[in-house]
Amino acid sequence: MDITKFEKDGAVCAIVNGDSPVITDAQSALDLLMTAKYEIGTENIVISSALLAADFFVLSTGLAGEILQKYVNYGGRIAVYGDYSSYTSKALKDFIYESNKGINAFFVATKEEAIEKLIG
């Protein structure tokens, strides 16, 4: 895992890069948030959907809800970018739609859109 700092007009986000899932459970998500906070100086996380455990996108596991609740509780914000077209679950599509209407979690197509959502 590699975290890089992106800054625009004084606003900062941490861009997470890697070859394998970085967020596999609620604790790893919280660890990532704390790493970004202390190493980069931000609670804004930009991450590829490929770096999240597959269970994140199976809402019945509760993983997505648990992780997003941790981020809200600790003042974190996350923007996940990737292709969601392979997911057919109406519940997941509704979850993504509702998340995108808020201010803490976003699901978009590109890294640039993710950055814009957090620090645009």
N, C-alpha and C. Protein backbone atom coordinates (compact mmCIF):
# COMPACT_ATOMS: atom_id res chain seq x y z
N MET A 1 0.85 -1.18 0.00
CA MET A 1 0.00 0.00 0.00
C MET A 1 0.88 1.23 0.00
N ASP A 2 0.43 2.23 -0.74
CA ASP A 2 1.13 3.49 -0.84
C ASP A 2 0.08 4.60 -0.74
N ILE A 3 0.35 5.61 0.06
CA ILE A 3 -0.56 6.74 0.19
C ILE A 3 0.16 7.99 -0.27
N THR A 4 -0.46 8.72 -1.20
CA THR A 4 0.13 9.97 -1.66
C THR A 4 -0.79 11.13 -1.31
N LYS A 5 -0.18 12.26 -1.14
CA LYS A 5 -0.91 13.48 -0.78
C LYS A 5 -1.28 14.23 -2.05
N PHE A 6 -2.54 14.67 -2.11
CA PHE A 6 -2.99 15.54 -3.19
C PHE A 6 -3.58 16.78 -2.56
N GLU A 7 -3.11 17.94 -3.01
CA GLU A 7 -3.56 19.21 -2.42
C GLU A 7 -4.05 20.14 -3.52
N LYS A 8 -5.16 20.80 -3.22
CA LYS A 8 -5.74 21.76 -4.16
C LYS A 8 -6.35 22.89 -3.35
N ASP A 9 -5.87 24.09 -3.57
CA ASP A 9 -6.39 25.29 -2.90
C ASP A 9 -6.44 25.12 -1.38
N GLY A 10 -5.41 24.47 -0.82
CA GLY A 10 -5.33 24.30 0.62
C GLY A 10 -6.08 23.10 1.17
N ALA A 11 -6.90 22.45 0.36
CA ALA A 11 -7.61 21.24 0.79
C ALA A 11 -6.76 20.02 0.41
N VAL A 12 -6.79 19.01 1.26
CA VAL A 12 -5.91 17.85 1.08
C VAL A 12 -6.72 16.55 1.08
N CYS A 13 -6.28 15.62 0.25
CA CYS A 13 -6.83 14.27 0.32
C CYS A 13 -5.68 13.28 0.19
N ALA A 14 -5.90 12.09 0.71
CA ALA A 14 -4.93 11.00 0.64
C ALA A 14 -5.40 10.04 -0.45
N ILE A 15 -4.54 9.79 -1.41
CA ILE A 15 -4.86 8.86 -2.49
C ILE A 15 -4.16 7.53 -2.19
N VAL A 16 -4.96 6.49 -2.06
CA VAL A 16 -4.45 5.17 -1.70
C VAL A 16 -4.21 4.36 -2.96
N ASN A 17 -3.01 3.78 -3.05
CA ASN A 17 -2.65 2.93 -4.18
C ASN A 17 -2.18 1.58 -3.64
N GLY A 18 -2.36 0.55 -4.42
CA GLY A 18 -1.92 -0.78 -4.00
C GLY A 18 -2.27 -1.83 -5.01
N ASP A 19 -1.81 -3.04 -4.73
CA ASP A 19 -2.04 -4.17 -5.64
C ASP A 19 -3.05 -5.16 -5.12
N SER A 20 -3.38 -5.03 -3.84
CA SER A 20 -4.34 -5.97 -3.23
C SER A 20 -5.23 -5.19 -2.26
N PRO A 21 -6.35 -5.79 -1.86
CA PRO A 21 -7.27 -5.06 -0.98
C PRO A 21 -6.59 -4.48 0.26
N VAL A 22 -6.89 -3.22 0.50
CA VAL A 22 -6.35 -2.48 1.65
C VAL A 22 -7.39 -2.46 2.77
N ILE A 23 -8.66 -2.33 2.38
CA ILE A 23 -9.75 -2.34 3.35
C ILE A 23 -10.43 -3.70 3.26
N THR A 24 -10.21 -4.49 4.32
CA THR A 24 -10.77 -5.84 4.35
C THR A 24 -11.79 -6.01 5.47
N ASP A 25 -11.76 -5.09 6.43
CA ASP A 25 -12.71 -5.11 7.55
C ASP A 25 -12.76 -3.71 8.15
N ALA A 26 -13.57 -3.53 9.18
CA ALA A 26 -13.74 -2.21 9.78
C ALA A 26 -12.44 -1.71 10.40
N GLN A 27 -11.67 -2.60 11.00
CA GLN A 27 -10.41 -2.19 11.64
C GLN A 27 -9.39 -1.71 10.61
N SER A 28 -9.28 -2.39 9.48
CA SER A 28 -8.33 -1.95 8.45
C SER A 28 -8.76 -0.62 7.85
N ALA A 29 -10.07 -0.40 7.75
CA ALA A 29 -10.57 0.89 7.26
C ALA A 29 -10.22 2.01 8.24
N LEU A 30 -10.38 1.73 9.52
CA LEU A 30 -10.05 2.71 10.55
C LEU A 30 -8.53 2.95 10.59
N ASP A 31 -7.74 1.91 10.45
CA ASP A 31 -6.29 2.06 10.41
C ASP A 31 -5.87 2.94 9.24
N LEU A 32 -6.51 2.75 8.09
CA LEU A 32 -6.20 3.57 6.92
C LEU A 32 -6.53 5.04 7.20
N LEU A 33 -7.67 5.28 7.80
CA LEU A 33 -8.08 6.65 8.12
C LEU A 33 -7.07 7.29 9.07
N MET A 34 -6.65 6.58 10.09
CA MET A 34 -5.70 7.13 11.06
C MET A 34 -4.32 7.35 10.42
N THR A 35 -3.92 6.46 9.53
CA THR A 35 -2.65 6.64 8.81
C THR A 35 -2.71 7.91 7.96
N ALA A 36 -3.81 8.09 7.24
CA ALA A 36 -3.95 9.30 6.42
C ALA A 36 -3.95 10.55 7.29
N LYS A 37 -4.61 10.47 8.43
CA LYS A 37 -4.69 11.62 9.32
C LYS A 37 -3.31 12.01 9.85
N TYR A 38 -2.54 11.04 10.29
CA TYR A 38 -1.26 11.34 10.93
C TYR A 38 -0.10 11.49 9.95
N GLU A 39 -0.14 10.79 8.82
CA GLU A 39 0.96 10.88 7.87
C GLU A 39 0.74 11.95 6.80
N ILE A 40 -0.51 12.15 6.40
CA ILE A 40 -0.82 13.09 5.32
C ILE A 40 -1.46 14.36 5.87
N GLY A 41 -2.15 14.25 7.00
CA GLY A 41 -2.80 15.41 7.59
C GLY A 41 -4.21 15.64 7.08
N THR A 42 -4.89 14.54 6.73
CA THR A 42 -6.25 14.67 6.21
C THR A 42 -7.12 13.49 6.62
N GLU A 43 -8.43 13.72 6.62
CA GLU A 43 -9.40 12.65 6.85
C GLU A 43 -10.12 12.30 5.55
N ASN A 44 -9.65 12.85 4.44
CA ASN A 44 -10.24 12.61 3.11
C ASN A 44 -9.48 11.50 2.41
N ILE A 45 -10.16 10.39 2.12
CA ILE A 45 -9.54 9.21 1.51
C ILE A 45 -10.10 8.98 0.11
N VAL A 46 -9.22 8.84 -0.87
CA VAL A 46 -9.60 8.47 -2.23
C VAL A 46 -9.02 7.08 -2.47
N ILE A 47 -9.87 6.13 -2.87
CA ILE A 47 -9.43 4.75 -3.02
C ILE A 47 -10.18 4.06 -4.16
N SER A 48 -9.49 3.19 -4.87
CA SER A 48 -10.11 2.40 -5.93
C SER A 48 -10.99 1.32 -5.32
N SER A 49 -12.08 1.02 -5.99
CA SER A 49 -12.97 -0.06 -5.53
C SER A 49 -12.24 -1.40 -5.50
N ALA A 50 -11.19 -1.55 -6.32
CA ALA A 50 -10.41 -2.79 -6.35
C ALA A 50 -9.63 -3.00 -5.06
N LEU A 51 -9.46 -1.94 -4.25
CA LEU A 51 -8.71 -2.04 -3.00
C LEU A 51 -9.61 -2.28 -1.80
N LEU A 52 -10.90 -2.52 -2.06
CA LEU A 52 -11.85 -2.87 -1.01
C LEU A 52 -12.17 -4.36 -1.13
N ALA A 53 -12.34 -5.01 0.01
CA ALA A 53 -12.73 -6.42 -0.01
C ALA A 53 -14.02 -6.59 -0.80
N ALA A 54 -14.13 -7.70 -1.52
CA ALA A 54 -15.33 -7.96 -2.32
C ALA A 54 -16.59 -7.92 -1.47
N ASP A 55 -16.49 -8.34 -0.21
CA ASP A 55 -17.65 -8.34 0.69
C ASP A 55 -18.21 -6.95 0.95
N PHE A 56 -17.41 -5.92 0.72
CA PHE A 56 -17.89 -4.56 0.91
C PHE A 56 -19.13 -4.31 0.05
N PHE A 57 -19.14 -4.87 -1.14
CA PHE A 57 -20.22 -4.62 -2.09
C PHE A 57 -21.37 -5.63 -1.98
N VAL A 58 -21.30 -6.51 -0.99
CA VAL A 58 -22.39 -7.42 -0.67
C VAL A 58 -23.02 -6.87 0.61
N LEU A 59 -24.07 -6.09 0.46
CA LEU A 59 -24.61 -5.34 1.59
C LEU A 59 -25.06 -6.24 2.74
N SER A 60 -25.46 -7.45 2.45
CA SER A 60 -25.93 -8.35 3.51
C SER A 60 -24.82 -8.70 4.51
N THR A 61 -23.55 -8.50 4.15
CA THR A 61 -22.46 -8.77 5.08
C THR A 61 -22.37 -7.69 6.16
N GLY A 62 -22.91 -6.52 5.87
CA GLY A 62 -22.86 -5.41 6.82
C GLY A 62 -21.54 -4.66 6.82
N LEU A 63 -20.58 -5.11 6.02
CA LEU A 63 -19.25 -4.50 6.02
C LEU A 63 -19.27 -3.05 5.57
N ALA A 64 -19.97 -2.74 4.50
CA ALA A 64 -20.02 -1.36 4.00
C ALA A 64 -20.61 -0.43 5.05
N GLY A 65 -21.71 -0.82 5.64
CA GLY A 65 -22.33 0.01 6.66
C GLY A 65 -21.44 0.22 7.87
N GLU A 66 -20.77 -0.84 8.29
CA GLU A 66 -19.88 -0.74 9.45
C GLU A 66 -18.71 0.20 9.16
N ILE A 67 -18.12 0.07 7.99
CA ILE A 67 -16.98 0.91 7.63
C ILE A 67 -17.40 2.37 7.50
N LEU A 68 -18.49 2.63 6.81
CA LEU A 68 -18.92 4.02 6.63
C LEU A 68 -19.32 4.64 7.95
N GLN A 69 -19.90 3.86 8.84
CA GLN A 69 -20.25 4.39 10.16
C GLN A 69 -18.99 4.77 10.94
N LYS A 70 -17.96 3.95 10.85
CA LYS A 70 -16.68 4.28 11.50
C LYS A 70 -16.13 5.59 10.96
N TYR A 71 -16.18 5.76 9.64
CA TYR A 71 -15.66 6.98 9.04
C TYR A 71 -16.44 8.20 9.52
N VAL A 72 -17.74 8.09 9.57
CA VAL A 72 -18.56 9.20 10.07
C VAL A 72 -18.21 9.51 11.53
N ASN A 73 -18.11 8.47 12.35
CA ASN A 73 -17.82 8.65 13.77
C ASN A 73 -16.47 9.32 14.01
N TYR A 74 -15.49 9.03 13.14
CA TYR A 74 -14.14 9.56 13.32
C TYR A 74 -13.85 10.77 12.42
N GLY A 75 -14.87 11.31 11.79
CA GLY A 75 -14.70 12.51 10.97
C GLY A 75 -14.08 12.26 9.62
N GLY A 76 -14.06 11.02 9.18
CA GLY A 76 -13.48 10.69 7.88
C GLY A 76 -14.46 10.82 6.74
N ARG A 77 -13.91 11.01 5.57
CA ARG A 77 -14.70 11.04 4.35
C ARG A 77 -13.97 10.16 3.34
N ILE A 78 -14.73 9.44 2.54
CA ILE A 78 -14.13 8.50 1.59
C ILE A 78 -14.81 8.62 0.23
N ALA A 79 -14.00 8.58 -0.81
CA ALA A 79 -14.51 8.55 -2.18
C ALA A 79 -13.90 7.33 -2.85
N VAL A 80 -14.77 6.43 -3.28
CA VAL A 80 -14.36 5.18 -3.91
C VAL A 80 -14.62 5.32 -5.41
N TYR A 81 -13.60 5.03 -6.21
CA TYR A 81 -13.80 5.13 -7.65
C TYR A 81 -13.63 3.76 -8.30
N GLY A 82 -14.38 3.57 -9.37
CA GLY A 82 -14.30 2.30 -10.10
C GLY A 82 -15.53 2.08 -10.95
N ASP A 83 -15.58 0.92 -11.53
CA ASP A 83 -16.69 0.52 -12.39
C ASP A 83 -17.66 -0.34 -11.57
N TYR A 84 -18.86 0.15 -11.40
CA TYR A 84 -19.86 -0.56 -10.59
C TYR A 84 -20.90 -1.26 -11.47
N SER A 85 -20.69 -1.27 -12.76
CA SER A 85 -21.69 -1.82 -13.68
C SER A 85 -21.89 -3.33 -13.52
N SER A 86 -20.91 -4.03 -12.97
CA SER A 86 -21.06 -5.48 -12.82
C SER A 86 -21.95 -5.86 -11.64
N TYR A 87 -22.24 -4.90 -10.78
CA TYR A 87 -23.10 -5.17 -9.62
C TYR A 87 -24.56 -4.98 -10.03
N THR A 88 -25.35 -6.01 -9.79
CA THR A 88 -26.74 -5.97 -10.23
C THR A 88 -27.72 -5.76 -9.09
N SER A 89 -27.24 -5.75 -7.86
CA SER A 89 -28.11 -5.61 -6.69
C SER A 89 -28.78 -4.24 -6.65
N LYS A 90 -30.10 -4.23 -6.61
CA LYS A 90 -30.82 -2.96 -6.49
C LYS A 90 -30.50 -2.28 -5.16
N ALA A 91 -30.36 -3.08 -4.11
CA ALA A 91 -30.02 -2.52 -2.80
C ALA A 91 -28.68 -1.81 -2.85
N LEU A 92 -27.70 -2.38 -3.52
CA LEU A 92 -26.38 -1.75 -3.63
C LEU A 92 -26.47 -0.47 -4.46
N LYS A 93 -27.22 -0.53 -5.55
CA LYS A 93 -27.38 0.67 -6.38
C LYS A 93 -28.05 1.78 -5.57
N ASP A 94 -29.05 1.43 -4.77
CA ASP A 94 -29.71 2.42 -3.91
C ASP A 94 -28.75 2.96 -2.85
N PHE A 95 -27.92 2.09 -2.29
CA PHE A 95 -26.93 2.48 -1.30
C PHE A 95 -25.94 3.49 -1.90
N ILE A 96 -25.46 3.20 -3.09
CA ILE A 96 -24.53 4.10 -3.77
C ILE A 96 -25.21 5.43 -4.07
N TYR A 97 -26.43 5.38 -4.56
CA TYR A 97 -27.18 6.59 -4.87
C TYR A 97 -27.35 7.47 -3.63
N GLU A 98 -27.77 6.87 -2.53
CA GLU A 98 -27.98 7.62 -1.29
C GLU A 98 -26.67 8.15 -0.72
N SER A 99 -25.62 7.36 -0.79
CA SER A 99 -24.30 7.81 -0.31
C SER A 99 -23.85 9.03 -1.08
N ASN A 100 -24.04 9.02 -2.38
CA ASN A 100 -23.59 10.13 -3.22
C ASN A 100 -24.37 11.42 -2.96
N LYS A 101 -25.51 11.31 -2.32
CA LYS A 101 -26.28 12.51 -1.98
C LYS A 101 -25.78 13.16 -0.68
N GLY A 102 -24.97 12.44 0.08
CA GLY A 102 -24.49 12.93 1.36
C GLY A 102 -23.17 13.68 1.23
N ILE A 103 -22.44 13.74 2.36
CA ILE A 103 -21.18 14.48 2.38
C ILE A 103 -19.99 13.63 2.86
N ASN A 104 -20.22 12.37 3.22
CA ASN A 104 -19.16 11.56 3.81
C ASN A 104 -18.62 10.44 2.93
N ALA A 105 -19.43 9.92 2.04
CA ALA A 105 -19.00 8.79 1.21
C ALA A 105 -19.54 8.96 -0.20
N PHE A 106 -18.66 8.69 -1.16
CA PHE A 106 -19.03 8.85 -2.56
C PHE A 106 -18.52 7.66 -3.36
N PHE A 107 -19.29 7.29 -4.38
CA PHE A 107 -18.93 6.21 -5.28
C PHE A 107 -19.02 6.77 -6.69
N VAL A 108 -17.87 6.94 -7.34
CA VAL A 108 -17.79 7.58 -8.65
C VAL A 108 -16.96 6.72 -9.59
N ALA A 109 -16.89 7.13 -10.85
CA ALA A 109 -16.21 6.33 -11.87
C ALA A 109 -14.69 6.52 -11.89
N THR A 110 -14.21 7.74 -11.67
CA THR A 110 -12.77 8.00 -11.86
C THR A 110 -12.12 8.59 -10.61
N LYS A 111 -10.80 8.48 -10.57
CA LYS A 111 -10.04 9.06 -9.48
C LYS A 111 -10.22 10.58 -9.44
N GLU A 112 -10.26 11.19 -10.60
CA GLU A 112 -10.45 12.65 -10.67
C GLU A 112 -11.78 13.08 -10.09
N GLU A 113 -12.84 12.32 -10.38
CA GLU A 113 -14.15 12.61 -9.80
C GLU A 113 -14.13 12.43 -8.28
N ALA A 114 -13.41 11.42 -7.82
CA ALA A 114 -13.31 11.16 -6.39
C ALA A 114 -12.64 12.33 -5.68
N ILE A 115 -11.55 12.79 -6.24
CA ILE A 115 -10.84 13.95 -5.67
C ILE A 115 -11.76 15.16 -5.65
N GLU A 116 -12.45 15.39 -6.74
CA GLU A 116 -13.36 16.54 -6.85
C GLU A 116 -14.45 16.49 -5.79
N LYS A 117 -15.00 15.31 -5.53
CA LYS A 117 -16.06 15.17 -4.54
C LYS A 117 -15.57 15.56 -3.14
N LEU A 118 -14.33 15.24 -2.83
CA LEU A 118 -13.80 15.48 -1.49
C LEU A 118 -13.22 16.89 -1.31
N ILE A 119 -12.53 17.38 -2.31
CA ILE A 119 -11.87 18.67 -2.11
C ILE A 119 -12.13 19.67 -3.24
N GLY A 120 -13.11 19.34 -4.10
CA GLY A 120 -13.43 20.18 -5.24
C GLY A 120 -13.52 21.59 -4.93
